[in-house]
N, C-alpha and C. Protein backbone atom coordinates (compact mmCIF):
# COMPACT_ATOMS: atom_id res chain seq x y z
N MET A 1 11.52 -15.71 -2.48
CA MET A 1 11.00 -15.96 -3.85
C MET A 1 10.80 -15.35 -5.13
N VAL A 2 10.84 -13.74 -4.82
CA VAL A 2 11.40 -12.87 -5.52
C VAL A 2 12.02 -13.22 -6.31
N LYS A 3 13.25 -13.17 -5.48
CA LYS A 3 14.83 -13.38 -5.78
C LYS A 3 14.93 -14.71 -6.40
N GLY A 4 14.54 -15.78 -5.90
CA GLY A 4 14.21 -16.89 -6.72
C GLY A 4 15.19 -18.27 -5.53
N GLU A 5 15.20 -17.34 -4.17
CA GLU A 5 16.03 -18.20 -3.29
C GLU A 5 15.57 -19.48 -2.33
N LYS A 6 14.16 -19.06 -3.30
CA LYS A 6 13.45 -20.32 -1.67
C LYS A 6 12.04 -20.73 -3.11
N THR A 7 11.49 -21.83 -2.85
CA THR A 7 10.63 -22.19 -4.04
C THR A 7 9.10 -21.50 -3.16
N VAL A 8 8.17 -21.46 -3.97
CA VAL A 8 6.92 -20.95 -3.44
C VAL A 8 6.46 -22.30 -2.37
N ALA A 9 6.79 -23.67 -2.73
CA ALA A 9 6.57 -24.55 -1.46
C ALA A 9 7.53 -24.54 -0.39
N GLN A 10 8.96 -24.21 -0.49
CA GLN A 10 9.66 -24.01 0.41
C GLN A 10 8.87 -22.83 1.85
N ILE A 11 8.26 -21.71 0.81
CA ILE A 11 7.87 -20.42 1.74
C ILE A 11 7.00 -21.13 2.37
N ALA A 12 6.10 -21.58 1.77
CA ALA A 12 4.56 -22.13 1.99
C ALA A 12 4.85 -22.54 3.37
N SER A 13 5.91 -23.41 3.65
CA SER A 13 5.72 -24.63 4.34
C SER A 13 6.29 -24.09 5.31
N GLU A 14 7.36 -22.96 5.40
CA GLU A 14 8.16 -22.34 6.79
C GLU A 14 6.90 -21.53 7.39
N PHE A 15 6.09 -20.80 6.58
CA PHE A 15 5.33 -19.91 7.00
C PHE A 15 3.68 -20.65 7.48
N GLY A 16 3.41 -22.16 7.01
CA GLY A 16 2.22 -22.69 7.41
C GLY A 16 1.41 -22.06 6.71
N VAL A 17 1.45 -21.77 5.46
CA VAL A 17 0.32 -20.96 4.58
C VAL A 17 0.19 -21.45 3.19
N ASN A 18 -0.96 -21.58 2.58
CA ASN A 18 -1.16 -22.74 1.53
C ASN A 18 -0.16 -22.35 -0.23
N PRO A 19 0.29 -22.91 -0.61
CA PRO A 19 1.21 -22.45 -1.79
C PRO A 19 0.17 -21.37 -2.95
N ASN A 20 -1.09 -21.55 -2.98
CA ASN A 20 -1.44 -20.81 -3.92
C ASN A 20 -1.83 -19.10 -3.02
N GLN A 21 -1.14 -19.52 -1.91
CA GLN A 21 -1.88 -17.72 -1.28
C GLN A 21 -0.48 -16.81 -1.26
N VAL A 22 0.43 -17.76 -1.28
CA VAL A 22 2.06 -17.06 -1.51
C VAL A 22 1.91 -16.85 -3.08
N ARG A 23 1.72 -17.77 -3.99
CA ARG A 23 1.68 -16.92 -5.39
C ARG A 23 1.38 -15.98 -5.44
N LYS A 24 -0.31 -15.94 -4.99
CA LYS A 24 -1.21 -14.51 -5.22
C LYS A 24 -0.48 -13.38 -4.43
N TRP A 25 0.46 -13.53 -3.22
CA TRP A 25 0.65 -12.27 -2.78
C TRP A 25 2.16 -12.50 -3.46
N LYS A 26 2.78 -13.63 -4.15
CA LYS A 26 3.96 -12.78 -5.35
C LYS A 26 3.35 -12.31 -6.30
N ASP A 27 1.95 -12.54 -7.20
CA ASP A 27 1.71 -11.91 -7.91
C ASP A 27 1.32 -10.95 -7.59
N HIS A 28 0.68 -10.51 -6.53
CA HIS A 28 0.35 -8.84 -6.32
C HIS A 28 1.66 -7.75 -5.86
N LEU A 29 2.65 -8.42 -5.30
CA LEU A 29 3.89 -8.04 -5.35
C LEU A 29 4.93 -7.57 -6.50
N LEU A 30 4.66 -8.34 -7.41
CA LEU A 30 5.16 -7.79 -8.75
C LEU A 30 4.29 -7.20 -9.23
N SER A 31 2.56 -7.38 -9.47
CA SER A 31 2.27 -6.22 -9.97
C SER A 31 2.45 -4.83 -9.16
N MET A 32 2.39 -4.42 -8.49
CA MET A 32 2.96 -3.42 -7.69
C MET A 32 4.19 -2.63 -7.51
N LEU A 33 4.51 -3.57 -7.90
CA LEU A 33 6.37 -2.75 -7.45
C LEU A 33 6.69 -1.43 -8.74
N PRO A 34 6.22 -1.64 -10.07
CA PRO A 34 6.43 -0.63 -10.88
C PRO A 34 6.06 0.89 -10.19
N GLU A 35 4.12 0.64 -9.73
CA GLU A 35 4.22 1.91 -8.78
C GLU A 35 4.68 1.98 -7.27
N LEU A 36 5.71 1.38 -6.70
CA LEU A 36 5.90 1.83 -5.51
C LEU A 36 7.19 2.44 -6.04
N PHE A 37 7.80 2.64 -7.24
CA PHE A 37 9.06 3.35 -7.35
C PHE A 37 8.64 4.37 -8.30
N SER A 38 7.38 4.34 -8.72
CA SER A 38 7.21 5.51 -9.59
C SER A 38 6.58 6.99 -8.82
N ASP A 39 6.87 8.16 -9.39
CA ASP A 39 6.45 9.16 -9.24
C ASP A 39 5.12 9.16 -8.51
N GLN A 40 4.16 8.67 -9.79
CA GLN A 40 2.68 8.44 -9.30
C GLN A 40 2.07 8.23 -7.91
N ARG A 41 2.91 7.10 -7.19
CA ARG A 41 2.75 6.91 -5.77
C ARG A 41 2.92 8.51 -5.07
N LYS A 42 4.25 9.00 -5.41
CA LYS A 42 4.15 10.18 -4.78
C LYS A 42 3.24 11.38 -4.49
N LYS A 43 2.55 11.76 -6.03
CA LYS A 43 2.31 12.61 -6.34
C LYS A 43 0.78 11.97 -5.82
N ARG A 44 -0.06 10.86 -5.86
CA ARG A 44 -1.17 10.59 -5.07
C ARG A 44 -0.92 10.44 -3.65
N GLU A 45 0.20 10.71 -2.83
CA GLU A 45 0.43 10.78 -1.52
C GLU A 45 0.21 12.13 -1.11
N GLU A 46 0.87 12.95 -2.27
CA GLU A 46 0.84 14.77 -2.04
C GLU A 46 -0.71 15.31 -1.94
N ALA A 47 -1.29 14.53 -3.09
CA ALA A 47 -2.84 14.85 -3.37
C ALA A 47 -3.61 14.71 -1.70
N ARG A 48 -3.53 13.41 -1.34
CA ARG A 48 -3.86 12.98 -0.25
C ARG A 48 -3.49 14.22 1.07
N ASP A 49 -2.18 14.17 1.36
CA ASP A 49 -1.96 15.21 2.04
C ASP A 49 -2.67 16.52 1.76
N GLU A 50 -2.81 17.37 1.16
CA GLU A 50 -3.39 18.45 0.24
C GLU A 50 -4.95 18.39 0.84
N LEU A 51 -5.50 17.36 0.45
CA LEU A 51 -6.84 17.09 0.76
C LEU A 51 -7.22 17.33 2.01
N GLU A 52 -6.39 16.10 2.88
CA GLU A 52 -6.31 16.33 4.26
C GLU A 52 -6.20 17.25 5.04
N ALA A 53 -5.00 18.33 4.34
CA ALA A 53 -5.09 19.73 5.40
C ALA A 53 -6.41 20.33 4.86
N GLU A 54 -6.58 20.56 3.99
CA GLU A 54 -8.33 21.02 3.77
C GLU A 54 -9.07 20.97 4.24
N LEU A 55 -9.04 19.35 4.39
CA LEU A 55 -10.90 19.22 5.64
C LEU A 55 -10.52 18.99 6.98
N PHE A 56 -9.14 19.24 7.45
CA PHE A 56 -9.10 19.88 8.88
C PHE A 56 -8.83 20.95 8.91
N ARG A 57 -8.69 21.79 8.15
CA ARG A 57 -9.44 23.46 7.90
C ARG A 57 -10.68 23.59 7.93
N GLN A 58 -11.50 22.54 6.88
CA GLN A 58 -13.02 22.94 7.12
C GLN A 58 -13.05 22.70 8.37
N ILE A 59 -12.90 21.50 8.97
CA ILE A 59 -13.40 21.08 10.29
C ILE A 59 -13.24 22.42 11.63
N GLY A 60 -12.01 22.89 11.41
CA GLY A 60 -11.52 23.88 12.24
C GLY A 60 -12.49 25.40 12.01
N GLN A 61 -12.59 25.27 11.12
CA GLN A 61 -13.81 26.83 10.77
C GLN A 61 -15.48 26.01 10.89
N LEU A 62 -15.58 24.68 11.26
CA LEU A 62 -17.10 24.21 11.31
C LEU A 62 -17.08 24.72 12.79
N ARG A 63 -16.12 24.53 13.80
CA ARG A 63 -15.89 24.65 15.07
C ARG A 63 -16.15 25.43 15.49
N VAL A 64 -15.51 26.39 14.95
CA VAL A 64 -15.72 27.83 15.40
C VAL A 64 -16.88 28.38 15.16
N GLU A 65 -17.60 28.12 13.91
CA GLU A 65 -18.60 28.77 13.73
C GLU A 65 -19.83 28.30 14.44
N ASN A 66 -19.55 26.82 15.03
CA ASN A 66 -20.44 26.59 16.16
C ASN A 66 -20.40 26.61 17.70
N GLU A 67 -19.00 27.43 17.59
CA GLU A 67 -19.18 28.26 19.41
C GLU A 67 -19.58 29.28 19.08
């Protein structure tokens, strides 16, 4: 579909979904592609990992305080 090897109708028929749904998926994919290959995604993942580590640290501290 993205490469143009099959039409939206062919893909919809092959997988038994509505052609409008296939178009929505294609549009969503095309809108997300630049982000997938950018540094922004990596930075967000790193920030999420840092936040997660901090939250686990706080949970551990609270467990120790509770005991």
